[in-house]
Amino acid sequence: MKKIVLVLVIGLLGITLNAQSAKIDFKSDTVDYGVIEKGDDGVRVFKFTNTGDAPLIISKVSSSCGCTIPKKPTDPILPGKVGEIQVKYDTKRVGPIRKAVTVISNAETPTVVLKIKGEVKAPSGK
């Protein structure tokens, strides 16, 4: 009986050590809009690479408010491949931009918080 248990423990340990995992490596965790005018294009992109050895699946991307709309990749990102998460900020709102975008995936670090910042100014001369 002890031999059977020992074989099972060693087998499970071997499976755990050989487990593959996805890793998400963002080029930058912050997008800086800088100073933009009201009504300007509010679309920006976070680029990342799957540096792991298993497909990366992004299950959810959410923002800290309704003024920022994120769009996640629909297909798995294969090891070594690049993907992107698009965010669209509502530039009709004048004032500072300080928002968070939360990414949930099957990566070794399953939750990553990205940031967008900048300022929306009223058009000059108005």
Protein backbone atom coordinates (compact mmCIF):
# COMPACT_ATOMS: atom_id res chain seq x y z
CA MET A 1 0.00 0.00 0.00
CA LYS A 2 2.83 2.40 0.87
CA LYS A 3 4.45 1.71 -2.51
CA ILE A 4 1.25 2.55 -4.35
CA VAL A 5 0.87 5.84 -2.47
CA LEU A 6 4.53 6.69 -3.10
CA VAL A 7 4.16 6.00 -6.84
CA LEU A 8 1.04 8.18 -7.00
CA VAL A 9 2.75 11.06 -5.15
CA ILE A 10 5.80 10.89 -7.43
CA GLY A 11 3.55 10.76 -10.50
CA LEU A 12 1.54 13.79 -9.41
CA LEU A 13 4.72 15.69 -8.57
CA GLY A 14 6.10 14.92 -12.04
CA ILE A 15 2.92 16.17 -13.71
CA THR A 16 3.04 19.38 -11.67
CA LEU A 17 6.68 20.05 -12.54
CA ASN A 18 6.01 19.57 -16.26
CA ALA A 19 2.90 21.76 -16.31
CA GLN A 20 2.86 24.39 -19.00
CA SER A 21 1.74 27.91 -18.30
CA ALA A 22 0.94 31.08 -20.17
CA LYS A 23 2.71 34.32 -19.27
CA ILE A 24 1.50 37.77 -20.23
CA ASP A 25 4.17 40.43 -20.72
CA PHE A 26 2.85 43.91 -21.51
CA LYS A 27 5.05 46.31 -23.45
CA SER A 28 3.80 48.95 -21.01
CA ASP A 29 1.19 48.84 -18.24
CA THR A 30 0.27 52.51 -18.81
CA VAL A 31 -1.06 54.36 -21.83
CA ASP A 32 -0.53 58.10 -21.64
CA TYR A 33 -2.95 60.05 -23.81
CA GLY A 34 -1.07 63.25 -23.05
CA VAL A 35 -3.18 66.38 -23.58
CA ILE A 36 -5.87 65.85 -26.20
CA GLU A 37 -8.81 67.95 -27.33
CA LYS A 38 -12.42 67.17 -26.60
CA GLY A 39 -13.78 64.88 -29.30
CA ASP A 40 -10.36 63.55 -30.39
CA ASP A 41 -9.86 59.85 -31.12
CA GLY A 42 -9.96 58.05 -27.77
CA VAL A 43 -8.76 54.64 -29.00
CA ARG A 44 -5.42 53.36 -27.68
CA VAL A 45 -3.81 49.90 -27.54
CA PHE A 46 -1.96 47.88 -24.90
CA LYS A 47 0.38 45.42 -26.65
CA PHE A 48 1.53 42.22 -24.97
CA THR A 49 3.40 39.00 -25.71
CA ASN A 50 2.67 35.51 -24.45
CA THR A 51 6.12 34.62 -23.11
CA GLY A 52 4.92 31.33 -21.66
CA ASP A 53 4.74 27.88 -23.20
CA ALA A 54 0.95 27.44 -23.27
CA PRO A 55 -1.81 29.34 -25.08
CA LEU A 56 -2.89 32.53 -23.29
CA ILE A 57 -6.64 32.98 -22.89
CA ILE A 58 -7.91 36.36 -21.78
CA SER A 59 -11.26 35.69 -20.16
CA LYS A 60 -12.27 39.19 -19.06
CA VAL A 61 -11.21 42.81 -19.44
CA SER A 62 -13.06 45.48 -17.47
CA SER A 63 -12.60 49.18 -16.77
CA SER A 64 -13.02 51.27 -13.64
CA CYS A 65 -15.84 53.31 -15.22
CA GLY A 66 -18.24 53.38 -18.14
CA CYS A 67 -16.23 56.11 -19.89
CA THR A 68 -13.56 53.56 -20.87
CA ILE A 69 -14.51 50.63 -23.07
CA PRO A 70 -11.93 47.83 -23.37
CA LYS A 71 -11.91 45.19 -26.10
CA LYS A 72 -10.14 41.87 -25.51
CA PRO A 73 -8.80 39.37 -28.04
CA THR A 74 -11.32 36.66 -28.85
CA ASP A 75 -8.80 33.93 -29.79
CA PRO A 76 -6.08 32.39 -27.62
CA ILE A 77 -2.63 33.97 -28.00
CA LEU A 78 -0.13 31.22 -28.77
CA PRO A 79 3.29 31.11 -27.08
CA GLY A 80 5.65 33.74 -28.51
CA LYS A 81 2.84 35.60 -30.26
CA VAL A 82 1.76 39.22 -29.74
CA GLY A 83 -1.75 40.37 -28.90
CA GLU A 84 -3.44 43.61 -28.00
CA ILE A 85 -6.15 45.00 -25.80
CA GLN A 86 -7.89 48.03 -27.23
CA VAL A 87 -9.34 50.73 -24.98
CA LYS A 88 -11.61 53.55 -26.05
CA TYR A 89 -11.94 56.55 -23.74
CA ASP A 90 -14.92 58.90 -24.12
CA THR A 91 -13.15 62.14 -25.09
CA LYS A 92 -16.36 64.15 -24.77
CA ARG A 93 -15.54 64.41 -21.06
CA VAL A 94 -13.23 67.35 -20.36
CA GLY A 95 -10.75 66.92 -17.52
CA PRO A 96 -8.04 64.56 -16.30
CA ILE A 97 -7.97 60.91 -17.33
CA ARG A 98 -7.04 58.46 -14.57
CA LYS A 99 -8.62 55.06 -15.16
CA ALA A 100 -7.79 51.41 -14.54
CA VAL A 101 -8.34 48.44 -16.85
CA THR A 102 -8.31 44.99 -15.23
CA VAL A 103 -7.24 41.98 -17.31
CA ILE A 104 -8.11 38.45 -16.17
CA SER A 105 -6.48 35.49 -17.92
CA ASN A 106 -5.04 32.02 -17.47
CA ALA A 107 -1.50 33.45 -17.12
CA GLU A 108 0.78 32.72 -14.16
CA THR A 109 -0.27 36.16 -12.88
CA PRO A 110 -4.01 35.85 -13.58
CA THR A 111 -4.97 39.46 -12.80
CA VAL A 112 -3.15 42.48 -14.19
CA VAL A 113 -4.22 46.11 -13.73
CA LEU A 114 -3.37 48.49 -16.57
CA LYS A 115 -3.68 52.27 -16.41
CA ILE A 116 -4.66 55.05 -18.76
CA LYS A 117 -3.88 58.67 -18.03
CA GLY A 118 -3.91 62.05 -19.70
CA GLU A 119 -6.11 65.10 -19.97
CA VAL A 120 -8.95 66.14 -22.25
CA LYS A 121 -9.05 69.90 -22.91
CA ALA A 122 -11.85 71.94 -24.42
CA PRO A 123 -11.02 72.92 -28.01
CA SER A 124 -8.91 76.09 -28.14
CA GLY A 125 -10.75 79.27 -29.09
CA LYS A 126 -14.11 78.11 -27.71
